[in-house]
Amino acid sequence: ESPATAASFAPTPLGSQRRLAAGYEDGVVRIWRPAAPRIDAELVGHLDHVQALAWSPDGMWLASAGLDGSLRIWNVGIP
């Protein structure tokens, strides 16, 4: 697994658990539940390192920016 290059906690918990988005050198964004710890989702789309991550205020959307010049908006579910 490649090293993480960006990370961001969701502003609201999913149920009673927090979520963490982490972006990696391989271009994948993984959504974690740190308390478990387990990966809930792998978001594939960037062709290079993930450079930045930002959650919407309601925790339903995640924006990711990559060194490939792309900005992706992901629907990550109900907060």
C-alpha atoms as a PDB file:
ATOM      1  CA  GLU A   1       0.000   0.000   0.000  1.00  0.00           C
ATOM      2  CA  SER A   2       1.306   3.458  -0.846  1.00  0.00           C
ATOM      3  CA  PRO A   3       1.917   6.214   1.718  1.00  0.00           C
ATOM      4  CA  ALA A   4      -0.843   8.684   2.619  1.00  0.00           C
ATOM      5  CA  THR A   5      -0.395  12.180   1.185  1.00  0.00           C
ATOM      6  CA  ALA A   6      -3.563  13.920   2.497  1.00  0.00           C
ATOM      7  CA  ALA A   7      -6.141  13.333   5.245  1.00  0.00           C
ATOM      8  CA  SER A   8      -9.329  14.919   6.563  1.00  0.00           C
ATOM      9  CA  PHE A   9     -11.897  14.019   9.252  1.00  0.00           C
ATOM     10  CA  ALA A  10     -15.592  14.245   8.342  1.00  0.00           C
ATOM     11  CA  PRO A  11     -17.326  17.107  10.178  1.00  0.00           C
ATOM     12  CA  THR A  12     -20.147  14.876  11.440  1.00  0.00           C
ATOM     13  CA  PRO A  13     -20.051  11.282  12.644  1.00  0.00           C
ATOM     14  CA  LEU A  14     -21.740   8.463  10.743  1.00  0.00           C
ATOM     15  CA  GLY A  15     -24.012   7.073  13.431  1.00  0.00           C
ATOM     16  CA  SER A  16     -21.727   7.210  16.442  1.00  0.00           C
ATOM     17  CA  GLN A  17     -18.448   6.761  14.550  1.00  0.00           C
ATOM     18  CA  ARG A  18     -16.150   9.333  12.969  1.00  0.00           C
ATOM     19  CA  ARG A  19     -14.906   8.961   9.389  1.00  0.00           C
ATOM     20  CA  LEU A  20     -11.484   9.800   8.045  1.00  0.00           C
ATOM     21  CA  ALA A  21     -10.668  10.282   4.371  1.00  0.00           C
ATOM     22  CA  ALA A  22      -7.078   9.593   3.410  1.00  0.00           C
ATOM     23  CA  GLY A  23      -5.539  10.140  -0.019  1.00  0.00           C
ATOM     24  CA  TYR A  24      -2.575   8.118  -1.175  1.00  0.00           C
ATOM     25  CA  GLU A  25       0.337   8.265  -3.627  1.00  0.00           C
ATOM     26  CA  ASP A  26      -1.391   5.656  -5.799  1.00  0.00           C
ATOM     27  CA  GLY A  27      -4.292   8.079  -6.457  1.00  0.00           C
ATOM     28  CA  VAL A  28      -6.820   6.210  -4.307  1.00  0.00           C
ATOM     29  CA  VAL A  29      -8.920   7.860  -1.581  1.00  0.00           C
ATOM     30  CA  ARG A  30      -9.875   5.541   1.264  1.00  0.00           C
ATOM     31  CA  ILE A  31     -12.649   6.243   3.773  1.00  0.00           C
ATOM     32  CA  TRP A  32     -11.749   4.846   7.202  1.00  0.00           C
ATOM     33  CA  ARG A  33     -13.544   4.407  10.499  1.00  0.00           C
ATOM     34  CA  PRO A  34     -10.640   4.987  12.889  1.00  0.00           C
ATOM     35  CA  ALA A  35     -12.414   3.404  15.879  1.00  0.00           C
ATOM     36  CA  ALA A  36     -12.740   0.036  14.082  1.00  0.00           C
ATOM     37  CA  PRO A  37     -10.229   0.504  12.250  1.00  0.00           C
ATOM     38  CA  ARG A  38     -11.537  -0.526   8.868  1.00  0.00           C
ATOM     39  CA  ILE A  39     -11.850   0.790   5.340  1.00  0.00           C
ATOM     40  CA  ASP A  40     -15.455   1.557   4.362  1.00  0.00           C
ATOM     41  CA  ALA A  41     -14.755   2.639   0.782  1.00  0.00           C
ATOM     42  CA  GLU A  42     -12.015   2.988  -1.813  1.00  0.00           C
ATOM     43  CA  LEU A  43     -12.540   5.805  -4.308  1.00  0.00           C
ATOM     44  CA  VAL A  44     -10.534   5.288  -7.493  1.00  0.00           C
ATOM     45  CA  GLY A  45     -10.155   7.994 -10.109  1.00  0.00           C
ATOM     46  CA  HIS A  46      -6.966  10.021  -9.734  1.00  0.00           C
ATOM     47  CA  LEU A  47      -3.999   9.160 -11.934  1.00  0.00           C
ATOM     48  CA  ASP A  48      -1.386  10.538  -9.507  1.00  0.00           C
ATOM     49  CA  HIS A  49      -0.958  11.445  -5.812  1.00  0.00           C
ATOM     50  CA  VAL A  50      -3.995  12.791  -3.977  1.00  0.00           C
ATOM     51  CA  GLN A  51      -2.970  16.266  -2.862  1.00  0.00           C
ATOM     52  CA  ALA A  52      -5.944  17.620  -0.882  1.00  0.00           C
ATOM     53  CA  LEU A  53      -9.267  16.510   0.637  1.00  0.00           C
ATOM     54  CA  ALA A  54     -12.286  18.476   1.908  1.00  0.00           C
ATOM     55  CA  TRP A  55     -15.673  17.324   3.280  1.00  0.00           C
ATOM     56  CA  SER A  56     -18.987  19.111   2.782  1.00  0.00           C
ATOM     57  CA  PRO A  57     -20.448  20.478   6.045  1.00  0.00           C
ATOM     58  CA  ASP A  58     -23.048  17.670   6.157  1.00  0.00           C
ATOM     59  CA  GLY A  59     -20.443  14.939   5.585  1.00  0.00           C
ATOM     60  CA  MET A  60     -22.233  13.578   2.495  1.00  0.00           C
ATOM     61  CA  TRP A  61     -19.720  14.773  -0.108  1.00  0.00           C
ATOM     62  CA  LEU A  62     -15.947  14.650  -0.341  1.00  0.00           C
ATOM     63  CA  ALA A  63     -13.788  16.690  -2.709  1.00  0.00           C
ATOM     64  CA  SER A  64     -10.350  15.406  -3.680  1.00  0.00           C
ATOM     65  CA  ALA A  65      -7.631  17.097  -5.717  1.00  0.00           C
ATOM     66  CA  GLY A  66      -4.814  15.204  -7.368  1.00  0.00           C
ATOM     67  CA  LEU A  67      -1.422  16.000  -8.834  1.00  0.00           C
ATOM     68  CA  ASP A  68      -2.910  14.838 -12.152  1.00  0.00           C
ATOM     69  CA  GLY A  69      -4.751  18.204 -12.198  1.00  0.00           C
ATOM     70  CA  SER A  70      -8.178  16.726 -11.493  1.00  0.00           C
ATOM     71  CA  LEU A  71     -10.744  17.684  -8.890  1.00  0.00           C
ATOM     72  CA  ARG A  72     -13.255  14.978  -8.020  1.00  0.00           C
ATOM     73  CA  ILE A  73     -16.473  15.254  -6.033  1.00  0.00           C
ATOM     74  CA  TRP A  74     -17.575  11.992  -4.397  1.00  0.00           C
ATOM     75  CA  ASN A  75     -20.957  11.139  -2.905  1.00  0.00           C
ATOM     76  CA  VAL A  76     -19.894   9.306   0.246  1.00  0.00           C
ATOM     77  CA  GLY A  77     -23.342   8.618   1.640  1.00  0.00           C
ATOM     78  CA  ILE A  78     -25.565   9.619   4.484  1.00  0.00           C
ATOM     79  CA  PRO A  79     -23.752  11.244   7.419  1.00  0.00           C
END
